[in-house]
Amino acid sequence: IRLSSLGDILLTTPVLRALHEHFPAAHIDFLTKAAYQDVLRANPCVDRLLLLEPQQGLRETLHRLRQTRYDVVVDLQRTLRSCLLYHGLLAQRKLAYTKRTIRRALLVHLGWNTLQAMMPVPELYRGPLRCLGMTAPLPPLEMHLAAESREAMQAYLQQELPDGLRRPLLAVAPGA
């Protein structure tokens, strides 16, 4: 479960790849808000993308999601909404990453640095998965584009870029 935001969802991709490699026979579902579905739609490590629709309440979403009994559910967000979904899902094991909300608030609002060492977010996301035996180094972040997105991007670049600038170009701004 990672409902938002764009950059944070991208930061889950090393964990998705590690899960896929550690458990190659596993079926991996990913729950996110419908607005972020394009970020993971073409990711080969996600077997089924589950969407939290804006017009659908948590009760309806949980009813739909409870049709599947999971071996493991992982909350990579730790917000009220993700916690309600996490606790409402049927699973043999439930894991959640340790969110450093209070420590981060002390640093931001009071200047008190109680975060001894800054750990990259993907490493924080991997933390709860260690109990599943996942100890190998994480692979890099991944971003996969669906064919229609790639085609739309190429058409836009051909139309908008000057002729002398038709070489490979990459521009990514995933968020904060």
Protein backbone atom coordinates (compact mmCIF):
# COMPACT_ATOMS: atom_id res chain seq x y z
CA ILE A 1 0.00 0.00 0.00
CA ARG A 2 1.36 3.40 -1.06
CA LEU A 3 -1.50 5.71 -1.96
CA SER A 4 0.50 8.81 -2.89
CA SER A 5 2.56 10.87 -3.82
CA LEU A 6 4.33 10.59 -7.17
CA GLY A 7 7.93 10.69 -5.94
CA ASP A 8 7.20 8.42 -2.97
CA ILE A 9 5.54 5.86 -5.23
CA LEU A 10 8.62 5.89 -7.47
CA LEU A 11 10.72 5.31 -4.35
CA THR A 12 8.85 2.02 -3.78
CA THR A 13 10.14 0.57 -7.07
CA PRO A 14 13.43 -0.78 -5.61
CA VAL A 15 11.37 -2.66 -3.01
CA LEU A 16 9.03 -3.98 -5.71
CA ARG A 17 12.00 -5.25 -7.74
CA ALA A 18 13.56 -6.84 -4.64
CA LEU A 19 10.27 -8.57 -3.75
CA HIS A 20 9.89 -9.80 -7.32
CA GLU A 21 13.44 -11.21 -7.34
CA HIS A 22 13.28 -12.70 -3.83
CA PHE A 23 9.85 -14.29 -4.40
CA PRO A 24 9.68 -14.90 -8.19
CA ALA A 25 6.50 -16.98 -7.96
CA ALA A 26 4.67 -14.38 -5.86
CA HIS A 27 1.77 -12.36 -7.25
CA ILE A 28 2.33 -8.70 -6.33
CA ASP A 29 -0.64 -6.32 -6.05
CA PHE A 30 -0.05 -2.61 -5.47
CA LEU A 31 -2.72 -0.29 -4.03
CA THR A 32 -2.48 3.39 -4.90
CA LYS A 33 -4.76 6.31 -5.69
CA ALA A 34 -6.19 6.27 -9.21
CA ALA A 35 -4.42 9.57 -9.95
CA TYR A 36 -1.03 7.79 -9.71
CA GLN A 37 -1.79 4.65 -11.71
CA ASP A 38 0.36 5.69 -14.69
CA VAL A 39 3.48 5.58 -12.51
CA LEU A 40 3.17 1.81 -12.03
CA ARG A 41 0.95 0.65 -14.88
CA ALA A 42 3.90 -0.64 -16.97
CA ASN A 43 6.04 -1.85 -14.05
CA PRO A 44 6.83 -5.52 -14.70
CA CYS A 45 7.05 -6.23 -10.95
CA VAL A 46 3.39 -5.33 -10.38
CA ASP A 47 0.96 -8.07 -11.38
CA ARG A 48 -2.19 -6.15 -10.49
CA LEU A 49 -2.65 -2.45 -9.86
CA LEU A 50 -5.42 -1.79 -7.34
CA LEU A 51 -6.87 1.70 -7.41
CA LEU A 52 -8.37 3.80 -4.68
CA GLU A 53 -10.96 5.72 -6.67
CA PRO A 54 -11.78 9.28 -5.52
CA GLN A 55 -15.55 8.72 -5.61
CA GLN A 56 -15.31 5.43 -3.71
CA GLY A 57 -15.27 5.41 0.08
CA LEU A 58 -12.97 3.32 2.23
CA ARG A 59 -15.75 0.91 3.08
CA GLU A 60 -16.44 0.12 -0.58
CA THR A 61 -12.72 -0.13 -1.32
CA LEU A 62 -12.17 -2.53 1.57
CA HIS A 63 -15.14 -4.64 0.50
CA ARG A 64 -13.60 -4.95 -2.98
CA LEU A 65 -10.09 -5.65 -1.66
CA ARG A 66 -11.24 -8.25 0.86
CA GLN A 67 -12.13 -10.54 -2.04
CA THR A 68 -8.45 -11.51 -1.97
CA ARG A 69 -6.71 -13.15 0.97
CA TYR A 70 -3.07 -12.11 1.02
CA ASP A 71 -0.04 -13.87 2.45
CA VAL A 72 1.56 -10.50 3.27
CA VAL A 73 0.30 -6.91 3.26
CA VAL A 74 2.81 -4.07 3.54
CA ASP A 75 1.90 -0.46 4.38
CA LEU A 76 4.55 1.83 2.92
CA GLN A 77 2.71 5.04 3.81
CA ARG A 78 1.51 4.94 7.41
CA THR A 79 -1.24 7.52 7.13
CA LEU A 80 -4.69 7.20 8.67
CA ARG A 81 -6.21 6.07 5.36
CA SER A 82 -3.47 3.56 4.56
CA CYS A 83 -3.60 2.19 8.13
CA LEU A 84 -7.37 1.68 7.91
CA LEU A 85 -6.94 -0.21 4.63
CA TYR A 86 -3.98 -2.17 5.99
CA HIS A 87 -5.85 -3.28 9.10
CA GLY A 88 -8.99 -4.10 7.13
CA LEU A 89 -7.30 -6.39 4.61
CA LEU A 90 -7.16 -10.13 5.07
CA ALA A 91 -3.57 -11.36 5.37
CA GLN A 92 -1.47 -13.93 7.21
CA ARG A 93 1.18 -11.27 7.94
CA LYS A 94 0.96 -7.50 8.05
CA LEU A 95 4.05 -5.33 7.89
CA ALA A 96 4.52 -1.56 7.99
CA TYR A 97 7.54 0.64 7.65
CA THR A 98 8.69 2.84 10.52
CA LYS A 99 7.70 6.39 9.74
CA ARG A 100 9.81 9.00 11.48
CA THR A 101 7.06 11.62 11.74
CA ILE A 102 7.86 12.94 15.22
CA ARG A 103 11.62 13.05 14.64
CA ARG A 104 11.13 14.80 11.31
CA ALA A 105 8.75 17.31 12.90
CA LEU A 106 11.29 18.09 15.63
CA LEU A 107 13.91 18.80 12.97
CA VAL A 108 11.65 20.88 10.72
CA HIS A 109 9.84 22.91 13.38
CA LEU A 110 12.38 23.16 16.22
CA GLY A 111 15.71 22.51 14.53
CA TRP A 112 16.37 19.53 16.81
CA ASN A 113 18.08 16.80 14.81
CA THR A 114 17.20 13.51 16.48
CA LEU A 115 17.67 11.61 13.23
CA GLN A 116 21.09 10.12 13.88
CA ALA A 117 21.78 9.12 10.31
CA MET A 118 19.71 9.88 7.27
CA MET A 119 18.59 6.63 5.71
CA PRO A 120 17.36 6.67 2.10
CA VAL A 121 13.58 6.26 1.86
CA PRO A 122 13.75 2.97 -0.11
CA GLU A 123 15.84 1.53 2.75
CA LEU A 124 13.14 2.61 5.21
CA TYR A 125 10.55 0.91 2.99
CA ARG A 126 12.64 -2.27 2.94
CA GLY A 127 12.94 -2.36 6.74
CA PRO A 128 9.83 -4.42 7.49
CA LEU A 129 10.66 -6.88 4.71
CA ARG A 130 13.81 -8.07 6.46
CA CYS A 131 11.67 -10.41 8.54
CA LEU A 132 10.85 -12.13 5.23
CA GLY A 133 14.55 -12.84 4.71
CA MET A 134 15.17 -9.97 2.29
CA THR A 135 18.67 -8.73 3.12
CA ALA A 136 20.27 -8.23 -0.32
CA PRO A 137 21.12 -4.66 -1.40
CA LEU A 138 18.24 -2.83 -3.04
CA PRO A 139 18.29 -2.33 -6.81
CA PRO A 140 18.01 1.22 -8.21
CA LEU A 141 14.79 3.15 -8.68
CA GLU A 142 12.85 2.20 -11.84
CA MET A 143 10.44 4.05 -14.06
CA HIS A 144 8.59 2.18 -16.80
CA LEU A 145 6.52 3.93 -19.45
CA ALA A 146 3.54 2.34 -21.14
CA ALA A 147 3.78 2.22 -24.94
CA GLU A 148 1.07 4.87 -25.39
CA SER A 149 2.90 7.24 -23.04
CA ARG A 150 6.15 6.75 -24.93
CA GLU A 151 4.41 7.39 -28.26
CA ALA A 152 2.66 10.51 -26.94
CA MET A 153 5.98 11.82 -25.63
CA GLN A 154 7.72 11.23 -28.97
CA ALA A 155 4.92 12.97 -30.88
CA TYR A 156 5.07 15.94 -28.53
CA LEU A 157 8.85 16.23 -28.83
CA GLN A 158 8.72 16.06 -32.63
CA GLN A 159 6.11 18.80 -32.70
CA GLU A 160 7.58 21.11 -30.05
CA LEU A 161 11.36 20.78 -30.22
CA PRO A 162 13.47 22.66 -32.78
CA ASP A 163 14.96 20.48 -35.52
CA GLY A 164 18.50 20.77 -34.12
CA LEU A 165 17.38 19.35 -30.75
CA ARG A 166 16.05 15.99 -31.96
CA ARG A 167 18.62 13.92 -30.07
CA PRO A 168 17.68 11.77 -27.06
CA LEU A 169 16.27 13.91 -24.28
CA LEU A 170 15.22 13.07 -20.74
CA ALA A 171 13.39 15.38 -18.37
CA VAL A 172 11.99 14.06 -15.11
CA ALA A 173 10.39 16.02 -12.30
CA PRO A 174 8.78 13.41 -10.03
CA GLY A 175 7.93 15.73 -7.16
CA ALA A 176 9.31 17.05 -3.89
